[in-house]
């Protein structure tokens, strides 16, 4: 006996449809948007902090640079105030040539008017009759007489002897005013603050009327 075939059974489950706000993927999306927004906000704040830090660093660098410049200026000012300054105090006449009453031997006196000693002082000088006043640009100190190096303290003097070698014609020209009796040269020394040489140039002519030496020309300077 053959049983009749049984038709297949279909079971359909009908789930109730939830509201959109009750669906989990909605809230996942919302959470993702919130995380993205927070990430963007953090990035923006971090950028502002970085810009603020850059400005702070730049301001600090400018302050540091200004402080360094201030120290350098103060140091340079201190050195200029305290360094040695050697000047020519006077040219002293020791003896005169009898017939023309012109200085024959002299002392050139230099003085340290600075606050600290002048080191390794050397004197380069000449004493002769010239047609014109000597010019600084044309002076070669290697051609001058020189003295051994020495140190000279604050307010101390050094005297350098010079003797005139001139013909009677040259002496007569000095009396007539057509030529000049000159004591000129330079002092080279070093101060306490650097190894750079300092120079004091001088150029003094004899005044036969007032009977003293006086500065002339552009060879009177201190470096």
Protein backbone atom coordinates (compact mmCIF):
# COMPACT_ATOMS: atom_id res chain seq x y z
CA UNK A 1 0.00 0.00 0.00
CA UNK A 2 1.55 3.27 -1.00
CA UNK A 3 1.09 6.26 1.20
CA UNK A 4 0.28 9.53 -0.37
CA UNK A 5 3.18 12.06 -0.57
CA UNK A 6 3.29 14.77 2.02
CA UNK A 7 3.87 18.28 0.69
CA UNK A 8 6.89 20.17 2.13
CA UNK A 9 6.28 22.34 5.09
CA UNK A 10 7.43 26.00 4.85
CA UNK A 11 7.86 27.95 8.08
CA UNK A 12 7.96 31.70 7.78
CA UNK A 13 9.08 33.68 10.80
CA UNK A 14 7.90 37.25 10.74
CA UNK A 15 10.12 39.53 12.87
CA UNK A 16 8.74 42.83 13.89
CA UNK A 17 10.51 45.79 12.23
CA UNK A 18 12.25 48.05 14.74
CA UNK A 19 12.36 51.83 14.53
CA UNK A 20 15.45 53.37 12.90
CA UNK A 21 16.81 54.65 16.20
CA UNK A 22 16.61 51.16 17.66
CA UNK A 23 18.78 49.57 15.02
CA UNK A 24 22.37 48.78 16.08
CA UNK A 25 24.00 49.84 12.81
CA UNK A 26 22.56 53.31 13.25
CA UNK A 27 24.32 53.75 16.55
CA UNK A 28 27.53 52.30 15.15
CA UNK A 29 27.37 54.92 12.46
CA UNK A 30 26.70 57.61 15.05
CA UNK A 31 29.64 56.41 17.14
CA UNK A 32 31.88 56.41 14.10
CA UNK A 33 30.87 59.99 13.30
CA UNK A 34 31.55 61.04 16.89
CA UNK A 35 34.99 59.41 16.84
CA UNK A 36 35.77 61.09 13.52
CA UNK A 37 34.64 64.45 14.90
CA UNK A 38 36.74 64.03 18.06
CA UNK A 39 39.75 63.04 15.98
CA UNK A 40 39.33 66.16 13.85
CA UNK A 41 38.98 68.32 16.96
CA UNK A 42 42.13 66.83 18.52
CA UNK A 43 44.00 67.39 15.28
CA UNK A 44 42.88 71.04 15.20
CA UNK A 45 43.84 71.64 18.82
CA UNK A 46 47.18 69.94 18.31
CA UNK A 47 47.87 72.17 15.32
CA UNK A 48 47.04 75.26 17.35
CA UNK A 49 49.29 74.07 20.16
CA UNK A 50 52.10 73.48 17.70
CA UNK A 51 51.67 76.96 16.22
CA UNK A 52 51.65 78.39 19.71
CA UNK A 53 54.77 76.42 20.59
CA UNK A 54 56.50 77.60 17.42
CA UNK A 55 55.70 81.21 18.30
CA UNK A 56 56.90 80.66 21.86
CA UNK A 57 60.13 79.08 20.62
CA UNK A 58 60.67 81.94 18.13
CA UNK A 59 60.02 84.52 20.86
CA UNK A 60 62.40 82.72 23.21
CA UNK A 61 65.07 82.62 20.49
CA UNK A 62 64.65 86.33 19.83
CA UNK A 63 64.98 87.05 23.54
CA UNK A 64 68.09 84.88 23.74
CA UNK A 65 69.62 86.60 20.71
CA UNK A 66 68.85 90.01 22.20
CA UNK A 67 70.45 88.94 25.49
CA UNK A 68 73.58 87.75 23.66
CA UNK A 69 73.79 91.02 21.74
CA UNK A 70 73.36 92.93 24.98
CA UNK A 71 76.20 91.00 26.60
CA UNK A 72 78.43 91.56 23.57
CA UNK A 73 77.69 95.30 23.59
CA UNK A 74 78.32 95.51 27.33
CA UNK A 75 81.57 93.58 26.98
CA UNK A 76 82.75 95.78 24.10
CA UNK A 77 81.82 98.91 26.06
CA UNK A 78 83.70 97.64 29.11
CA UNK A 79 86.77 96.86 27.01
CA UNK A 80 86.70 100.29 25.35
CA UNK A 81 86.47 101.88 28.79
CA UNK A 82 89.19 99.82 30.44
CA UNK A 83 91.65 99.20 27.59
CA UNK A 84 95.01 100.93 27.26
CA UNK A 85 95.28 104.16 25.26
CA UNK A 86 98.80 105.34 24.48
CA UNK A 87 99.12 108.95 23.35
CA UNK A 88 101.99 111.33 22.61
CA UNK A 89 102.12 113.67 25.60
CA UNK A 90 104.74 116.08 24.23
CA UNK A 91 107.96 116.46 22.26
CA UNK A 92 110.66 117.78 24.57
CA UNK A 93 113.57 119.82 23.20
CA UNK A 94 116.84 118.75 24.82
CA UNK A 95 119.31 120.84 22.82
CA UNK A 96 119.37 123.20 19.86
CA UNK A 97 121.68 123.77 16.93
CA UNK A 98 123.58 126.96 17.81
CA UNK A 99 123.61 128.88 14.54
CA UNK A 100 119.96 128.42 13.61
CA UNK A 101 118.45 127.79 17.07
CA UNK A 102 116.69 124.69 15.78
CA UNK A 103 116.13 121.61 17.98
CA UNK A 104 118.98 119.15 17.59
CA UNK A 105 118.07 116.48 20.12
CA UNK A 106 114.60 115.70 21.46
CA UNK A 107 112.63 113.29 23.63
CA UNK A 108 109.27 112.03 22.40
CA UNK A 109 107.18 111.30 25.49
CA UNK A 110 104.25 108.87 25.31
CA UNK A 111 101.69 108.30 28.07
CA UNK A 112 99.24 105.47 28.79
CA UNK A 113 95.99 107.32 29.54
CA UNK A 114 93.94 104.09 29.70
CA UNK A 115 92.89 102.07 32.74
CA UNK A 116 94.96 98.92 32.10
CA UNK A 117 98.56 98.26 30.99
CA UNK A 118 99.71 98.44 27.38
CA UNK A 119 101.66 95.32 26.48
CA UNK A 120 104.66 94.93 24.16
CA UNK A 121 104.87 98.62 23.37
CA UNK A 122 107.15 99.55 20.46
CA UNK A 123 108.03 102.99 19.15
CA UNK A 124 108.67 103.64 15.44
CA UNK A 125 109.73 107.22 14.76
CA UNK A 126 111.83 109.65 12.75
CA UNK A 127 113.16 113.17 13.27
CA UNK A 128 114.12 114.99 10.08
CA UNK A 129 113.54 117.91 7.71
CA UNK A 130 110.77 117.30 5.15
CA UNK A 131 109.32 119.23 2.22
CA UNK A 132 105.73 118.39 3.22
CA UNK A 133 103.93 116.99 6.20
CA UNK A 134 103.99 113.19 6.23
CA UNK A 135 100.79 111.43 5.21
CA UNK A 136 99.45 108.41 7.03
CA UNK A 137 98.87 106.40 3.85
CA UNK A 138 102.49 106.75 2.73
CA UNK A 139 104.18 105.91 6.03
CA UNK A 140 106.15 102.67 6.30
CA UNK A 141 107.05 102.02 9.93
CA UNK A 142 109.72 99.51 8.88
CA UNK A 143 111.88 102.46 7.78
CA UNK A 144 111.74 104.12 11.20
CA UNK A 145 113.99 103.85 14.21
CA UNK A 146 112.56 101.54 16.82
CA UNK A 147 113.00 100.64 20.46
CA UNK A 148 112.83 97.32 22.32
CA UNK A 149 109.38 96.14 23.37
CA UNK A 150 108.23 97.00 26.87
CA UNK A 151 105.04 97.16 28.92
CA UNK A 152 103.67 100.45 30.21
CA UNK A 153 101.16 100.69 33.04
CA UNK A 154 98.31 103.08 33.70
CA UNK A 155 99.49 106.75 33.82
CA UNK A 156 103.07 105.71 33.07
CA UNK A 157 105.33 107.47 30.56
CA UNK A 158 108.06 106.41 28.18
CA UNK A 159 110.56 108.76 26.55
CA UNK A 160 112.29 108.08 23.26
CA UNK A 161 115.43 109.97 22.29
CA UNK A 162 116.00 111.30 18.76
CA UNK A 163 118.88 113.23 17.20
CA UNK A 164 118.58 115.41 14.10
CA UNK A 165 120.77 114.74 11.09
CA UNK A 166 120.42 117.59 8.62
CA UNK A 167 122.58 119.76 6.40
CA UNK A 168 123.05 123.50 6.87
CA UNK A 169 120.90 124.07 3.78
CA UNK A 170 118.05 122.05 5.29
CA UNK A 171 118.33 123.92 8.58
CA UNK A 172 118.22 127.23 6.70
CA UNK A 173 115.13 126.12 4.81
CA UNK A 174 113.38 125.38 8.13
CA UNK A 175 114.21 128.90 9.34
CA UNK A 176 112.89 130.35 6.07
CA UNK A 177 109.70 128.29 6.31
CA UNK A 178 110.14 126.45 3.01
CA UNK A 179 110.60 123.10 4.77
CA UNK A 180 109.44 121.52 8.01
CA UNK A 181 111.28 120.01 10.94
CA UNK A 182 109.17 116.96 11.78
CA UNK A 183 109.00 114.45 14.61
CA UNK A 184 106.64 111.70 13.47
CA UNK A 185 105.94 107.98 13.59
CA UNK A 186 103.73 105.56 15.49
CA UNK A 187 103.44 103.59 18.70
CA UNK A 188 102.39 99.95 18.40
CA UNK A 189 101.10 98.08 21.44
CA UNK A 190 98.55 95.52 22.62
CA UNK A 191 95.85 95.92 25.24
CA UNK A 192 94.77 93.35 27.83
CA UNK A 193 91.65 92.23 25.97
CA UNK A 194 92.82 91.08 22.53
CA UNK A 195 95.80 90.10 20.42
CA UNK A 196 95.00 92.80 17.88
CA UNK A 197 97.72 95.43 17.57
CA UNK A 198 96.82 99.01 18.49
CA UNK A 199 98.44 101.98 16.79
CA UNK A 200 98.93 105.60 17.78
CA UNK A 201 100.19 107.72 14.88
CA UNK A 202 101.69 111.14 15.46
CA UNK A 203 103.14 113.96 13.38
CA UNK A 204 104.47 117.15 14.98
CA UNK A 205 106.20 120.12 13.36
CA UNK A 206 108.56 122.65 14.91
CA UNK A 207 107.19 126.18 15.27
CA UNK A 208 110.22 128.45 15.08
CA UNK A 209 108.24 131.49 16.23
CA UNK A 210 106.69 130.01 19.36
CA UNK A 211 109.46 127.45 19.87
CA UNK A 212 107.51 124.25 20.37
CA UNK A 213 106.28 121.23 18.43
CA UNK A 214 102.60 121.06 17.44
CA UNK A 215 100.45 118.37 15.72
CA UNK A 216 99.99 118.71 11.94
CA UNK A 217 98.56 116.62 9.11
CA UNK A 218 96.47 113.46 9.19
CA UNK A 219 99.03 111.36 11.09
CA UNK A 220 97.48 111.97 14.49
CA UNK A 221 95.14 109.11 15.26
CA UNK A 222 94.55 106.25 17.69
CA UNK A 223 93.19 102.82 16.79
